[in-house]
C-alpha atoms as a PDB file:
ATOM      1  CA  UNK A   1      82.906 115.298  85.145  1.00  0.00           C
ATOM      2  CA  UNK A   2      84.205 111.781  85.730  1.00  0.00           C
ATOM      3  CA  UNK A   3      87.463 110.880  87.454  1.00  0.00           C
ATOM      4  CA  UNK A   4      89.060 107.990  85.580  1.00  0.00           C
ATOM      5  CA  UNK A   5      91.345 106.784  88.365  1.00  0.00           C
ATOM      6  CA  UNK A   6      90.904 106.090  92.045  1.00  0.00           C
ATOM      7  CA  UNK A   7      93.074 107.168  94.954  1.00  0.00           C
ATOM      8  CA  UNK A   8      94.857 103.819  94.611  1.00  0.00           C
ATOM      9  CA  UNK A   9      95.963 104.414  91.008  1.00  0.00           C
ATOM     10  CA  UNK A  10      98.548 106.791  89.556  1.00  0.00           C
ATOM     11  CA  UNK A  11      99.096 106.963  85.811  1.00  0.00           C
ATOM     12  CA  UNK A  12     101.909 109.523  85.575  1.00  0.00           C
ATOM     13  CA  UNK A  13     105.127 108.571  87.370  1.00  0.00           C
ATOM     14  CA  UNK A  14     108.774 109.114  86.358  1.00  0.00           C
ATOM     15  CA  UNK A  15     111.785 106.944  87.149  1.00  0.00           C
ATOM     16  CA  UNK A  16     115.536 107.474  87.163  1.00  0.00           C
ATOM     17  CA  UNK A  17     115.896 104.288  85.140  1.00  0.00           C
ATOM     18  CA  UNK A  18     114.799 105.946  81.897  1.00  0.00           C
ATOM     19  CA  UNK A  19     113.903 109.539  82.722  1.00  0.00           C
ATOM     20  CA  UNK A  20     114.328 112.463  85.121  1.00  0.00           C
ATOM     21  CA  UNK A  21     112.829 110.903  88.237  1.00  0.00           C
ATOM     22  CA  UNK A  22     115.065 110.462  91.256  1.00  0.00           C
ATOM     23  CA  UNK A  23     114.220 106.819  91.971  1.00  0.00           C
ATOM     24  CA  UNK A  24     114.548 103.593  90.026  1.00  0.00           C
ATOM     25  CA  UNK A  25     111.608 101.544  88.793  1.00  0.00           C
ATOM     26  CA  UNK A  26     112.191  99.011  91.566  1.00  0.00           C
ATOM     27  CA  UNK A  27     112.321 101.705  94.247  1.00  0.00           C
ATOM     28  CA  UNK A  28     109.093 103.243  92.960  1.00  0.00           C
ATOM     29  CA  UNK A  29     107.296  99.922  92.854  1.00  0.00           C
ATOM     30  CA  UNK A  30     108.378  98.894  96.341  1.00  0.00           C
ATOM     31  CA  UNK A  31     107.311 102.257  97.746  1.00  0.00           C
ATOM     32  CA  UNK A  32     104.013 102.224  95.841  1.00  0.00           C
ATOM     33  CA  UNK A  33     103.154  99.004  97.627  1.00  0.00           C
ATOM     34  CA  UNK A  34     104.122 100.445 101.001  1.00  0.00           C
ATOM     35  CA  UNK A  35     101.774 103.425 100.593  1.00  0.00           C
ATOM     36  CA  UNK A  36      98.845 101.338  99.384  1.00  0.00           C
ATOM     37  CA  UNK A  37      98.812 101.985  95.649  1.00  0.00           C
ATOM     38  CA  UNK A  38      97.406  99.178  93.532  1.00  0.00           C
ATOM     39  CA  UNK A  39      98.371 100.321  90.035  1.00  0.00           C
ATOM     40  CA  UNK A  40     100.961 102.746  88.670  1.00  0.00           C
ATOM     41  CA  UNK A  41     102.048 103.706  85.172  1.00  0.00           C
ATOM     42  CA  UNK A  42     105.743 104.444  84.746  1.00  0.00           C
ATOM     43  CA  UNK A  43     105.468 107.138  82.068  1.00  0.00           C
ATOM     44  CA  UNK A  44     109.034 108.184  81.414  1.00  0.00           C
ATOM     45  CA  UNK A  45     109.777 110.926  78.930  1.00  0.00           C
ATOM     46  CA  UNK A  46     109.839 110.366  75.187  1.00  0.00           C
ATOM     47  CA  UNK A  47     112.791 109.879  72.883  1.00  0.00           C
ATOM     48  CA  UNK A  48     112.573 113.567  71.845  1.00  0.00           C
ATOM     49  CA  UNK A  49     112.879 114.650  75.470  1.00  0.00           C
ATOM     50  CA  UNK A  50     115.814 112.311  76.090  1.00  0.00           C
ATOM     51  CA  UNK A  51     117.627 113.533  72.976  1.00  0.00           C
ATOM     52  CA  UNK A  52     117.067 117.178  73.915  1.00  0.00           C
ATOM     53  CA  UNK A  53     118.742 116.682  77.282  1.00  0.00           C
ATOM     54  CA  UNK A  54     121.428 114.281  76.086  1.00  0.00           C
ATOM     55  CA  UNK A  55     120.455 111.343  78.261  1.00  0.00           C
ATOM     56  CA  UNK A  56     122.537 108.248  77.618  1.00  0.00           C
ATOM     57  CA  UNK A  57     120.450 105.492  76.011  1.00  0.00           C
ATOM     58  CA  UNK A  58     119.717 102.414  78.090  1.00  0.00           C
ATOM     59  CA  UNK A  59     118.361  99.036  77.080  1.00  0.00           C
ATOM     60  CA  UNK A  60     114.682  99.928  77.378  1.00  0.00           C
ATOM     61  CA  UNK A  61     113.320  97.116  75.212  1.00  0.00           C
ATOM     62  CA  UNK A  62     115.083  94.319  77.069  1.00  0.00           C
ATOM     63  CA  UNK A  63     114.248  95.943  80.407  1.00  0.00           C
ATOM     64  CA  UNK A  64     110.486  96.044  79.942  1.00  0.00           C
ATOM     65  CA  UNK A  65     110.488  92.575  78.378  1.00  0.00           C
ATOM     66  CA  UNK A  66     112.399  90.995  81.256  1.00  0.00           C
ATOM     67  CA  UNK A  67     111.403  93.082  84.276  1.00  0.00           C
ATOM     68  CA  UNK A  68     108.862  91.534  86.649  1.00  0.00           C
ATOM     69  CA  UNK A  69     107.406  92.881  89.858  1.00  0.00           C
ATOM     70  CA  UNK A  70     108.905  90.675  92.557  1.00  0.00           C
ATOM     71  CA  UNK A  71     108.163  93.130  95.359  1.00  0.00           C
ATOM     72  CA  UNK A  72     104.387  93.199  95.834  1.00  0.00           C
ATOM     73  CA  UNK A  73     101.015  93.031  94.065  1.00  0.00           C
ATOM     74  CA  UNK A  74     101.123  96.512  92.498  1.00  0.00           C
ATOM     75  CA  UNK A  75     100.079  96.363  88.847  1.00  0.00           C
ATOM     76  CA  UNK A  76     102.844  98.146  86.914  1.00  0.00           C
ATOM     77  CA  UNK A  77     102.237  99.576  83.456  1.00  0.00           C
ATOM     78  CA  UNK A  78     105.068 100.827  81.261  1.00  0.00           C
ATOM     79  CA  UNK A  79     103.848 103.858  79.364  1.00  0.00           C
ATOM     80  CA  UNK A  80     105.317 107.038  77.886  1.00  0.00           C
ATOM     81  CA  UNK A  81     104.891 110.739  78.468  1.00  0.00           C
ATOM     82  CA  UNK A  82     104.922 111.767  74.833  1.00  0.00           C
ATOM     83  CA  UNK A  83     105.576 115.200  73.374  1.00  0.00           C
ATOM     84  CA  UNK A  84     103.695 117.502  71.029  1.00  0.00           C
ATOM     85  CA  UNK A  85     106.394 118.729  68.658  1.00  0.00           C
ATOM     86  CA  UNK A  86     104.848 121.528  66.589  1.00  0.00           C
ATOM     87  CA  UNK A  87     101.677 123.361  65.558  1.00  0.00           C
ATOM     88  CA  UNK A  88     100.896 120.627  62.996  1.00  0.00           C
ATOM     89  CA  UNK A  89     100.306 118.147  65.801  1.00  0.00           C
ATOM     90  CA  UNK A  90     103.341 115.976  65.115  1.00  0.00           C
ATOM     91  CA  UNK A  91     104.228 113.954  68.207  1.00  0.00           C
ATOM     92  CA  UNK A  92     106.980 111.803  69.668  1.00  0.00           C
ATOM     93  CA  UNK A  93     105.395 109.004  71.690  1.00  0.00           C
ATOM     94  CA  UNK A  94     108.136 106.401  71.983  1.00  0.00           C
ATOM     95  CA  UNK A  95     111.130 105.550  74.122  1.00  0.00           C
ATOM     96  CA  UNK A  96     113.773 103.948  71.937  1.00  0.00           C
ATOM     97  CA  UNK A  97     111.109 102.946  69.421  1.00  0.00           C
ATOM     98  CA  UNK A  98     108.647 101.499  71.965  1.00  0.00           C
ATOM     99  CA  UNK A  99     105.336 103.298  72.426  1.00  0.00           C
ATOM    100  CA  UNK A 100     104.276 101.733  75.717  1.00  0.00           C
ATOM    101  CA  UNK A 101     100.885 100.743  77.082  1.00  0.00           C
ATOM    102  CA  UNK A 102      99.691 104.121  78.378  1.00  0.00           C
ATOM    103  CA  UNK A 103     100.213 107.486  76.685  1.00  0.00           C
ATOM    104  CA  UNK A 104     100.249 110.799  78.519  1.00  0.00           C
ATOM    105  CA  UNK A 105     100.588 113.382  75.741  1.00  0.00           C
ATOM    106  CA  UNK A 106     102.028 116.703  76.905  1.00  0.00           C
ATOM    107  CA  UNK A 107     103.557 119.910  75.622  1.00  0.00           C
ATOM    108  CA  UNK A 108     106.941 120.902  77.066  1.00  0.00           C
ATOM    109  CA  UNK A 109     108.414 124.276  76.225  1.00  0.00           C
ATOM    110  CA  UNK A 110     111.903 122.883  75.591  1.00  0.00           C
ATOM    111  CA  UNK A 111     110.597 120.231  73.172  1.00  0.00           C
ATOM    112  CA  UNK A 112     107.770 122.018  71.362  1.00  0.00           C
ATOM    113  CA  UNK A 113     109.232 123.644  68.242  1.00  0.00           C
ATOM    114  CA  UNK A 114     106.903 126.381  67.237  1.00  0.00           C
ATOM    115  CA  UNK A 115     105.375 129.711  68.086  1.00  0.00           C
ATOM    116  CA  UNK A 116     103.979 129.473  71.634  1.00  0.00           C
ATOM    117  CA  UNK A 117     101.038 131.585  70.432  1.00  0.00           C
ATOM    118  CA  UNK A 118      99.987 128.594  68.321  1.00  0.00           C
ATOM    119  CA  UNK A 119     100.091 126.039  71.140  1.00  0.00           C
ATOM    120  CA  UNK A 120      96.291 125.679  71.080  1.00  0.00           C
ATOM    121  CA  UNK A 121      96.451 124.641  67.418  1.00  0.00           C
ATOM    122  CA  UNK A 122      99.177 122.160  68.333  1.00  0.00           C
ATOM    123  CA  UNK A 123      97.000 120.494  70.988  1.00  0.00           C
ATOM    124  CA  UNK A 124      93.955 120.428  68.719  1.00  0.00           C
ATOM    125  CA  UNK A 125      95.772 118.941  65.731  1.00  0.00           C
ATOM    126  CA  UNK A 126      97.572 116.394  67.884  1.00  0.00           C
ATOM    127  CA  UNK A 127      94.225 115.169  69.210  1.00  0.00           C
ATOM    128  CA  UNK A 128      92.623 115.188  65.776  1.00  0.00           C
ATOM    129  CA  UNK A 129      95.453 113.120  64.318  1.00  0.00           C
ATOM    130  CA  UNK A 130      96.330 110.822  67.218  1.00  0.00           C
ATOM    131  CA  UNK A 131      93.240 110.591  69.415  1.00  0.00           C
ATOM    132  CA  UNK A 132      93.052 106.801  69.175  1.00  0.00           C
ATOM    133  CA  UNK A 133      96.435 106.488  70.898  1.00  0.00           C
ATOM    134  CA  UNK A 134      96.098 109.163  73.599  1.00  0.00           C
ATOM    135  CA  UNK A 135      95.060 107.998  77.069  1.00  0.00           C
ATOM    136  CA  UNK A 136      95.256 111.448  78.695  1.00  0.00           C
ATOM    137  CA  UNK A 137      96.428 114.972  77.879  1.00  0.00           C
ATOM    138  CA  UNK A 138      99.033 115.885  80.485  1.00  0.00           C
ATOM    139  CA  UNK A 139      99.353 119.090  82.555  1.00  0.00           C
ATOM    140  CA  UNK A 140      97.366 121.342  80.228  1.00  0.00           C
ATOM    141  CA  UNK A 141      97.280 124.020  82.958  1.00  0.00           C
ATOM    142  CA  UNK A 142     101.044 124.264  83.498  1.00  0.00           C
ATOM    143  CA  UNK A 143     102.248 127.838  83.921  1.00  0.00           C
ATOM    144  CA  UNK A 144     104.692 127.447  81.007  1.00  0.00           C
ATOM    145  CA  UNK A 145     101.803 128.172  78.610  1.00  0.00           C
ATOM    146  CA  UNK A 146      99.541 130.150  80.945  1.00  0.00           C
ATOM    147  CA  UNK A 147      97.476 132.624  78.967  1.00  0.00           C
ATOM    148  CA  UNK A 148      98.422 131.019  75.664  1.00  0.00           C
ATOM    149  CA  UNK A 149      96.282 127.865  75.730  1.00  0.00           C
ATOM    150  CA  UNK A 150      92.620 128.326  74.846  1.00  0.00           C
ATOM    151  CA  UNK A 151      91.288 125.952  77.500  1.00  0.00           C
ATOM    152  CA  UNK A 152      87.723 126.060  76.178  1.00  0.00           C
ATOM    153  CA  UNK A 153      88.830 124.947  72.718  1.00  0.00           C
ATOM    154  CA  UNK A 154      91.185 122.216  73.875  1.00  0.00           C
ATOM    155  CA  UNK A 155      88.650 120.780  76.322  1.00  0.00           C
ATOM    156  CA  UNK A 156      85.901 120.848  73.694  1.00  0.00           C
ATOM    157  CA  UNK A 157      88.052 118.848  71.276  1.00  0.00           C
ATOM    158  CA  UNK A 158      89.160 116.451  74.009  1.00  0.00           C
ATOM    159  CA  UNK A 159      85.522 115.837  74.955  1.00  0.00           C
ATOM    160  CA  UNK A 160      84.618 115.252  71.327  1.00  0.00           C
ATOM    161  CA  UNK A 161      87.260 112.520  71.014  1.00  0.00           C
ATOM    162  CA  UNK A 162      86.606 111.182  74.551  1.00  0.00           C
ATOM    163  CA  UNK A 163      90.144 112.013  75.678  1.00  0.00           C
ATOM    164  CA  UNK A 164      90.569 112.635  79.423  1.00  0.00           C
ATOM    165  CA  UNK A 165      92.570 115.599  80.685  1.00  0.00           C
ATOM    166  CA  UNK A 166      94.908 115.638  83.660  1.00  0.00           C
ATOM    167  CA  UNK A 167      94.870 117.363  87.003  1.00  0.00           C
ATOM    168  CA  UNK A 168      98.596 117.336  87.750  1.00  0.00           C
ATOM    169  CA  UNK A 169      99.289 117.152  91.469  1.00  0.00           C
ATOM    170  CA  UNK A 170     103.046 117.793  91.377  1.00  0.00           C
ATOM    171  CA  UNK A 171     102.526 120.973  89.385  1.00  0.00           C
ATOM    172  CA  UNK A 172      99.922 122.147  91.902  1.00  0.00           C
ATOM    173  CA  UNK A 173     102.241 121.282  94.786  1.00  0.00           C
ATOM    174  CA  UNK A 174     105.249 122.972  93.176  1.00  0.00           C
ATOM    175  CA  UNK A 175     103.533 126.218  92.159  1.00  0.00           C
ATOM    176  CA  UNK A 176     103.373 125.453  88.432  1.00  0.00           C
ATOM    177  CA  UNK A 177      99.613 125.530  87.879  1.00  0.00           C
ATOM    178  CA  UNK A 178      97.464 128.306  86.432  1.00  0.00           C
ATOM    179  CA  UNK A 179      94.356 127.986  88.599  1.00  0.00           C
ATOM    180  CA  UNK A 180      92.075 130.028  86.352  1.00  0.00           C
ATOM    181  CA  UNK A 181      92.764 127.514  83.580  1.00  0.00           C
ATOM    182  CA  UNK A 182      92.332 124.602  85.952  1.00  0.00           C
ATOM    183  CA  UNK A 183      88.925 125.869  87.078  1.00  0.00           C
ATOM    184  CA  UNK A 184      87.751 125.890  83.469  1.00  0.00           C
ATOM    185  CA  UNK A 185      89.202 122.449  82.860  1.00  0.00           C
ATOM    186  CA  UNK A 186      87.457 120.935  85.884  1.00  0.00           C
ATOM    187  CA  UNK A 187      84.157 122.608  84.995  1.00  0.00           C
ATOM    188  CA  UNK A 188      84.179 121.658  81.306  1.00  0.00           C
ATOM    189  CA  UNK A 189      86.031 118.343  80.907  1.00  0.00           C
ATOM    190  CA  UNK A 190      83.962 115.185  80.669  1.00  0.00           C
ATOM    191  CA  UNK A 191      86.792 112.971  81.912  1.00  0.00           C
ATOM    192  CA  UNK A 192      89.749 113.700  84.181  1.00  0.00           C
ATOM    193  CA  UNK A 193      92.729 111.848  85.579  1.00  0.00           C
ATOM    194  CA  UNK A 194      94.176 112.983  88.905  1.00  0.00           C
ATOM    195  CA  UNK A 195      97.851 111.995  88.707  1.00  0.00           C
ATOM    196  CA  UNK A 196     100.922 112.813  90.759  1.00  0.00           C
ATOM    197  CA  UNK A 197     103.479 113.319  87.946  1.00  0.00           C
ATOM    198  CA  UNK A 198     105.834 112.100  90.669  1.00  0.00           C
ATOM    199  CA  UNK A 199     109.567 112.526  90.204  1.00  0.00           C
ATOM    200  CA  UNK A 200     110.344 111.629  93.835  1.00  0.00           C
ATOM    201  CA  UNK A 201     109.034 109.193  96.443  1.00  0.00           C
ATOM    202  CA  UNK A 202     107.766 112.188  98.396  1.00  0.00           C
ATOM    203  CA  UNK A 203     105.634 113.277  95.432  1.00  0.00           C
ATOM    204  CA  UNK A 204     104.358 109.739  94.877  1.00  0.00           C
ATOM    205  CA  UNK A 205     103.181 109.648  98.492  1.00  0.00           C
ATOM    206  CA  UNK A 206     102.133 113.230  99.160  1.00  0.00           C
ATOM    207  CA  UNK A 207     101.552 115.237  95.958  1.00  0.00           C
ATOM    208  CA  UNK A 208      97.922 114.228  95.470  1.00  0.00           C
ATOM    209  CA  UNK A 209      97.016 114.719  99.131  1.00  0.00           C
ATOM    210  CA  UNK A 210      98.729 118.109  99.236  1.00  0.00           C
ATOM    211  CA  UNK A 211      97.131 119.105  95.955  1.00  0.00           C
ATOM    212  CA  UNK A 212      93.660 118.382  97.346  1.00  0.00           C
ATOM    213  CA  UNK A 213      94.326 120.798 100.202  1.00  0.00           C
ATOM    214  CA  UNK A 214      95.414 123.492  97.744  1.00  0.00           C
ATOM    215  CA  UNK A 215      92.434 122.827  95.465  1.00  0.00           C
ATOM    216  CA  UNK A 216      90.098 123.192  98.441  1.00  0.00           C
ATOM    217  CA  UNK A 217      91.721 126.533  99.221  1.00  0.00           C
ATOM    218  CA  UNK A 218      91.210 127.597  95.602  1.00  0.00           C
ATOM    219  CA  UNK A 219      87.600 126.344  95.782  1.00  0.00           C
ATOM    220  CA  UNK A 220      88.126 123.833  93.026  1.00  0.00           C
ATOM    221  CA  UNK A 221      86.162 120.667  93.666  1.00  0.00           C
ATOM    222  CA  UNK A 222      87.082 117.418  91.963  1.00  0.00           C
ATOM    223  CA  UNK A 223      85.223 114.934  94.195  1.00  0.00           C
END
């Protein structure tokens, strides 16, 4: 098992500028510098997610073209947390038509349109069809699909296509992780990202550290 990011990198962060985070891009970037991060990916939710929740559109294209980090030396990537839409592996991976420079592909129960019993097929087909674009599969062990995802199958396909899987710190911290599934994932995955999935400054600072404590308690070793 290889961790793809260091303690100074976080590739799953949400802002209030274009998603359901509580802090703006500028606030996140300033704070990331204060706590010693060197690189973050702002991976706000996809167009499908925004449409589902009726978020007012903002000028995403002009924002990412014009925005510059004037606060510190943190390397800021604008990515997307995309959505698996159905059992056929159709996906939405853009924000207002822009796909971003880092793709976390996830399944969310309010966006996925299909039988939850077929969620494993949805993951597998999404990877088969879109593996060249996927940087990491997000929060596979979320409790929303606990007992429904065949972890062995999804990890085997991810390994075949050299797609990393995510250990999601915010979900661990907030009681939304199925630890039996996570144990299998950590044991079987060739590549892992350890990301915060931060929606608050507190999570950006503390979620990964707190998650490590919980993982130690659950006897899950990632280092």
